[in-house]
């Protein structure tokens, strides 16, 4: 029997990268997942325990519709909410566009707040109610290369702690990944791609780390599984950095 046998889960950003890695691991551990996304070509082999729902996370009405759908599929109960939708945003304070700022915060701050708002009534019916937010190591440092993303992920960490404090009947935690090999890096500037040797799986960056590799989605999924399962029942209101040591060596 899996660690999440019978769990009812909703995962945003379930179709790619970290969200997909978490979705796969949760299903392997016995959960049924309502997965939000826009393009489901990577999820076709997940089986009957994956229930896709097309959702644009910039749109509040679609987020509300997703939770109405989950409530119907799960008979009004949700055990775990995982907020994993996100994208990188690059630029500097002098030349950023207002549209970029709004898109960044709508996706990685406002959407997390809305999903939490709509999840709470469903989570109240669960004895193992749990929220897991994907933040970033960027939220722990002054990441000038992607300052909007860094500010937004810092807000996610703070929001998670406040969620746990306001709702003492559930557990809420966040995970702060470092460099993880996912499609999110398609938004990198050419300078960043060259700096980390993106074309060769971040070889330059990996060589700097003791483990000699960058992260993969499964690294983050293992921590999400810990948070969601009974193994993590004494962990609440915290953030775990999973970055191969990059935060420690840059601060």
Protein backbone atom coordinates (compact mmCIF):
# COMPACT_ATOMS: atom_id res chain seq x y z
CA UNK A 1 0.00 0.00 0.00
CA UNK A 2 1.32 3.43 -0.95
CA UNK A 3 1.89 6.29 1.45
CA UNK A 4 -0.96 8.25 -0.13
CA UNK A 5 -3.41 5.41 -0.69
CA UNK A 6 -6.88 6.85 -1.27
CA UNK A 7 -5.75 10.49 -1.06
CA UNK A 8 -7.56 13.08 -3.15
CA UNK A 9 -5.09 15.63 -4.50
CA UNK A 10 -5.14 18.70 -6.74
CA UNK A 11 -1.87 19.75 -8.42
CA UNK A 12 -1.44 22.98 -10.37
CA UNK A 13 1.20 22.95 -13.09
CA UNK A 14 0.78 19.17 -13.23
CA UNK A 15 1.73 18.81 -16.89
CA UNK A 16 5.41 19.75 -16.80
CA UNK A 17 8.55 19.92 -14.70
CA UNK A 18 8.23 19.79 -10.92
CA UNK A 19 4.44 19.62 -10.97
CA UNK A 20 4.53 16.61 -13.28
CA UNK A 21 7.18 14.93 -11.13
CA UNK A 22 5.04 15.37 -8.02
CA UNK A 23 1.94 14.16 -9.83
CA UNK A 24 3.67 10.97 -10.99
CA UNK A 25 5.06 10.17 -7.55
CA UNK A 26 1.75 10.84 -5.79
CA UNK A 27 -0.12 8.56 -8.18
CA UNK A 28 2.51 5.84 -7.68
CA UNK A 29 1.87 6.17 -3.93
CA UNK A 30 -1.88 5.62 -4.33
CA UNK A 31 -3.34 9.10 -4.76
CA UNK A 32 -5.89 10.26 -7.30
CA UNK A 33 -4.89 13.60 -8.78
CA UNK A 34 -6.92 16.32 -10.44
CA UNK A 35 -4.18 17.91 -12.51
CA UNK A 36 -4.44 21.47 -13.79
CA UNK A 37 -2.57 22.54 -16.88
CA UNK A 38 -2.83 23.76 -20.45
CA UNK A 39 -1.12 21.07 -22.54
CA UNK A 40 -1.60 17.45 -21.49
CA UNK A 41 0.62 15.63 -23.98
CA UNK A 42 3.06 14.63 -21.20
CA UNK A 43 0.31 13.11 -19.03
CA UNK A 44 -1.26 10.62 -21.44
CA UNK A 45 0.29 7.59 -19.69
CA UNK A 46 -0.58 8.48 -16.10
CA UNK A 47 -3.64 6.25 -16.04
CA UNK A 48 -7.08 6.48 -14.51
CA UNK A 49 -5.87 8.09 -11.30
CA UNK A 50 -4.98 11.24 -13.20
CA UNK A 51 -7.93 13.52 -13.96
CA UNK A 52 -6.96 16.42 -16.24
CA UNK A 53 -8.61 19.84 -16.10
CA UNK A 54 -7.57 22.60 -18.47
CA UNK A 55 -6.98 25.78 -16.52
CA UNK A 56 -5.31 29.10 -17.20
CA UNK A 57 -3.80 30.08 -13.85
CA UNK A 58 -3.85 33.77 -14.78
CA UNK A 59 -7.67 33.65 -14.86
CA UNK A 60 -9.53 33.71 -11.50
CA UNK A 61 -12.74 32.37 -13.04
CA UNK A 62 -10.95 29.32 -14.42
CA UNK A 63 -9.30 28.65 -11.06
CA UNK A 64 -12.70 28.75 -9.37
CA UNK A 65 -14.09 26.40 -12.04
CA UNK A 66 -11.22 23.97 -11.40
CA UNK A 67 -12.14 23.67 -7.73
CA UNK A 68 -15.83 23.27 -8.54
CA UNK A 69 -14.73 20.40 -10.81
CA UNK A 70 -12.54 18.88 -8.08
CA UNK A 71 -15.35 19.16 -5.54
CA UNK A 72 -17.62 17.22 -7.88
CA UNK A 73 -15.03 14.55 -8.69
CA UNK A 74 -13.93 14.13 -5.07
CA UNK A 75 -17.38 14.39 -3.47
CA UNK A 76 -16.56 17.63 -1.71
CA UNK A 77 -13.28 16.56 -0.07
CA UNK A 78 -9.66 17.35 -0.81
CA UNK A 79 -6.69 15.97 1.10
CA UNK A 80 -3.76 17.78 -0.49
CA UNK A 81 -3.32 20.93 -2.57
CA UNK A 82 -0.02 21.31 -4.42
CA UNK A 83 0.73 24.66 -6.03
CA UNK A 84 3.46 24.03 -8.59
CA UNK A 85 2.51 26.25 -11.54
CA UNK A 86 5.16 28.81 -12.37
CA UNK A 87 7.59 30.29 -14.87
CA UNK A 88 10.81 32.28 -14.82
CA UNK A 89 10.78 36.05 -15.31
CA UNK A 90 13.93 37.93 -16.26
CA UNK A 91 14.71 41.63 -16.48
CA UNK A 92 15.84 44.52 -14.35
CA UNK A 93 14.20 47.31 -12.40
CA UNK A 94 14.97 49.94 -15.01
CA UNK A 95 13.50 48.22 -18.05
CA UNK A 96 10.80 45.78 -16.90
CA UNK A 97 7.33 46.06 -18.42
CA UNK A 98 4.22 46.40 -16.26
CA UNK A 99 2.67 43.46 -18.11
CA UNK A 100 5.61 41.26 -17.07
CA UNK A 101 5.19 42.29 -13.44
CA UNK A 102 1.46 41.54 -13.48
CA UNK A 103 1.92 38.17 -15.20
CA UNK A 104 4.57 37.15 -12.70
CA UNK A 105 2.54 38.03 -9.63
CA UNK A 106 -0.74 36.72 -11.00
CA UNK A 107 0.85 33.32 -11.63
CA UNK A 108 3.09 32.78 -8.62
CA UNK A 109 1.38 34.84 -5.91
CA UNK A 110 -2.26 35.62 -6.71
CA UNK A 111 -2.97 32.14 -8.13
CA UNK A 112 -1.53 30.47 -5.02
CA UNK A 113 -3.75 32.65 -2.84
CA UNK A 114 -6.85 31.87 -4.90
CA UNK A 115 -6.25 28.13 -4.98
CA UNK A 116 -5.80 28.16 -1.22
CA UNK A 117 -9.00 30.17 -0.76
CA UNK A 118 -11.02 27.69 -2.83
CA UNK A 119 -9.30 24.62 -1.40
CA UNK A 120 -9.94 25.40 2.26
CA UNK A 121 -13.65 24.41 2.31
CA UNK A 122 -12.73 21.06 0.70
CA UNK A 123 -9.70 20.50 2.93
CA UNK A 124 -11.83 21.02 6.06
CA UNK A 125 -13.43 17.66 5.33
CA UNK A 126 -10.09 15.82 5.37
CA UNK A 127 -8.34 14.39 8.43
CA UNK A 128 -4.97 14.88 6.68
CA UNK A 129 -5.49 18.35 5.17
CA UNK A 130 -2.28 19.59 3.60
CA UNK A 131 -1.06 22.42 1.37
CA UNK A 132 2.31 22.28 -0.39
CA UNK A 133 3.56 25.38 -2.22
CA UNK A 134 6.53 25.35 -4.57
CA UNK A 135 8.63 28.41 -3.79
CA UNK A 136 12.27 28.78 -4.86
CA UNK A 137 15.80 29.19 -3.55
CA UNK A 138 15.57 32.48 -5.44
CA UNK A 139 13.14 33.62 -2.75
CA UNK A 140 15.89 33.28 -0.13
CA UNK A 141 18.43 35.52 -1.84
CA UNK A 142 18.72 38.81 -3.71
CA UNK A 143 18.41 37.27 -7.17
CA UNK A 144 19.04 40.30 -9.34
CA UNK A 145 18.89 38.31 -12.60
CA UNK A 146 15.19 37.57 -12.05
CA UNK A 147 14.17 40.10 -9.43
CA UNK A 148 10.40 39.82 -10.05
CA UNK A 149 10.50 36.05 -9.65
CA UNK A 150 12.68 36.37 -6.54
CA UNK A 151 10.26 38.80 -4.91
CA UNK A 152 7.28 36.64 -5.86
CA UNK A 153 8.78 33.44 -4.47
CA UNK A 154 9.72 35.24 -1.26
CA UNK A 155 6.04 36.14 -0.99
CA UNK A 156 5.09 32.48 -1.47
CA UNK A 157 7.26 31.46 1.48
CA UNK A 158 5.67 34.13 3.69
CA UNK A 159 2.16 33.30 2.47
CA UNK A 160 2.68 29.62 3.29
CA UNK A 161 3.68 30.40 6.87
CA UNK A 162 0.67 32.69 7.31
CA UNK A 163 -1.60 30.00 5.87
CA UNK A 164 -0.37 27.56 8.49
CA UNK A 165 -0.80 30.12 11.28
CA UNK A 166 -4.35 31.09 10.26
CA UNK A 167 -5.51 27.51 9.72
CA UNK A 168 -4.23 25.46 12.62
CA UNK A 169 -6.31 22.45 11.59
CA UNK A 170 -4.20 21.86 8.44
CA UNK A 171 -0.51 21.69 7.58
CA UNK A 172 1.03 24.10 5.09
CA UNK A 173 4.65 23.98 3.97
CA UNK A 174 6.73 25.15 1.04
CA UNK A 175 9.66 23.76 -0.92
CA UNK A 176 12.38 25.98 -2.36
CA UNK A 177 14.11 24.24 -5.28
CA UNK A 178 17.40 25.45 -6.68
CA UNK A 179 18.38 24.76 -10.29
CA UNK A 180 16.15 21.91 -11.48
CA UNK A 181 16.28 20.67 -15.06
CA UNK A 182 12.77 21.51 -16.25
CA UNK A 183 11.20 23.35 -19.22
CA UNK A 184 10.94 26.52 -17.10
CA UNK A 185 14.42 27.43 -18.33
CA UNK A 186 13.10 27.99 -21.84
CA UNK A 187 12.46 31.55 -20.61
CA UNK A 188 16.10 32.10 -19.68
CA UNK A 189 17.96 34.92 -21.33
CA UNK A 190 20.84 33.81 -23.62
CA UNK A 191 23.31 35.13 -21.04
CA UNK A 192 21.85 32.94 -18.27
CA UNK A 193 21.75 29.87 -20.51
CA UNK A 194 25.42 30.37 -21.34
CA UNK A 195 26.36 31.01 -17.71
CA UNK A 196 24.91 27.67 -16.60
CA UNK A 197 25.74 25.80 -19.84
CA UNK A 198 22.04 25.04 -20.28
CA UNK A 199 22.57 23.15 -23.56
CA UNK A 200 24.70 20.58 -21.72
CA UNK A 201 22.36 20.09 -18.76
CA UNK A 202 23.91 22.92 -16.74
CA UNK A 203 27.35 21.29 -16.72
CA UNK A 204 29.17 24.42 -15.55
CA UNK A 205 26.78 24.85 -12.68
CA UNK A 206 26.72 21.16 -11.77
CA UNK A 207 30.51 21.00 -11.59
CA UNK A 208 30.42 23.58 -8.78
CA UNK A 209 28.21 21.45 -6.56
CA UNK A 210 29.34 18.55 -4.34
CA UNK A 211 26.76 16.23 -5.95
CA UNK A 212 28.02 17.16 -9.46
CA UNK A 213 24.53 17.45 -10.91
CA UNK A 214 21.59 19.81 -10.95
CA UNK A 215 18.25 18.79 -9.54
CA UNK A 216 15.55 16.75 -11.24
CA UNK A 217 11.81 16.90 -10.52
CA UNK A 218 11.97 13.68 -8.48
CA UNK A 219 14.23 15.44 -5.95
CA UNK A 220 11.42 17.87 -5.21
CA UNK A 221 8.69 15.24 -5.40
CA UNK A 222 10.35 13.27 -2.59
CA UNK A 223 10.03 16.25 -0.25
CA UNK A 224 6.44 16.85 -1.36
CA UNK A 225 5.68 13.21 -0.55
CA UNK A 226 7.21 13.65 2.90
CA UNK A 227 5.04 16.72 3.52
CA UNK A 228 1.85 15.06 2.25
CA UNK A 229 2.20 11.72 4.02
CA UNK A 230 2.08 10.74 7.67
CA UNK A 231 5.88 10.71 7.64
CA UNK A 232 5.70 14.50 7.74
CA UNK A 233 2.85 14.94 10.20
CA UNK A 234 5.07 16.92 12.62
CA UNK A 235 6.27 19.36 9.93
CA UNK A 236 4.21 22.53 9.61
CA UNK A 237 4.67 26.15 8.62
CA UNK A 238 8.17 25.69 7.26
CA UNK A 239 10.16 25.89 4.03
CA UNK A 240 12.72 23.30 2.95
CA UNK A 241 15.45 24.36 0.53
CA UNK A 242 16.37 21.64 -1.98
CA UNK A 243 19.17 23.13 -4.04
CA UNK A 244 22.31 21.00 -3.82
CA UNK A 245 23.84 23.61 -1.52
CA UNK A 246 23.71 26.64 -3.86
CA UNK A 247 22.02 28.91 -1.30
CA UNK A 248 24.68 28.12 1.27
CA UNK A 249 27.54 28.78 -1.09
CA UNK A 250 26.23 32.05 -2.48
CA UNK A 251 25.35 33.74 0.83
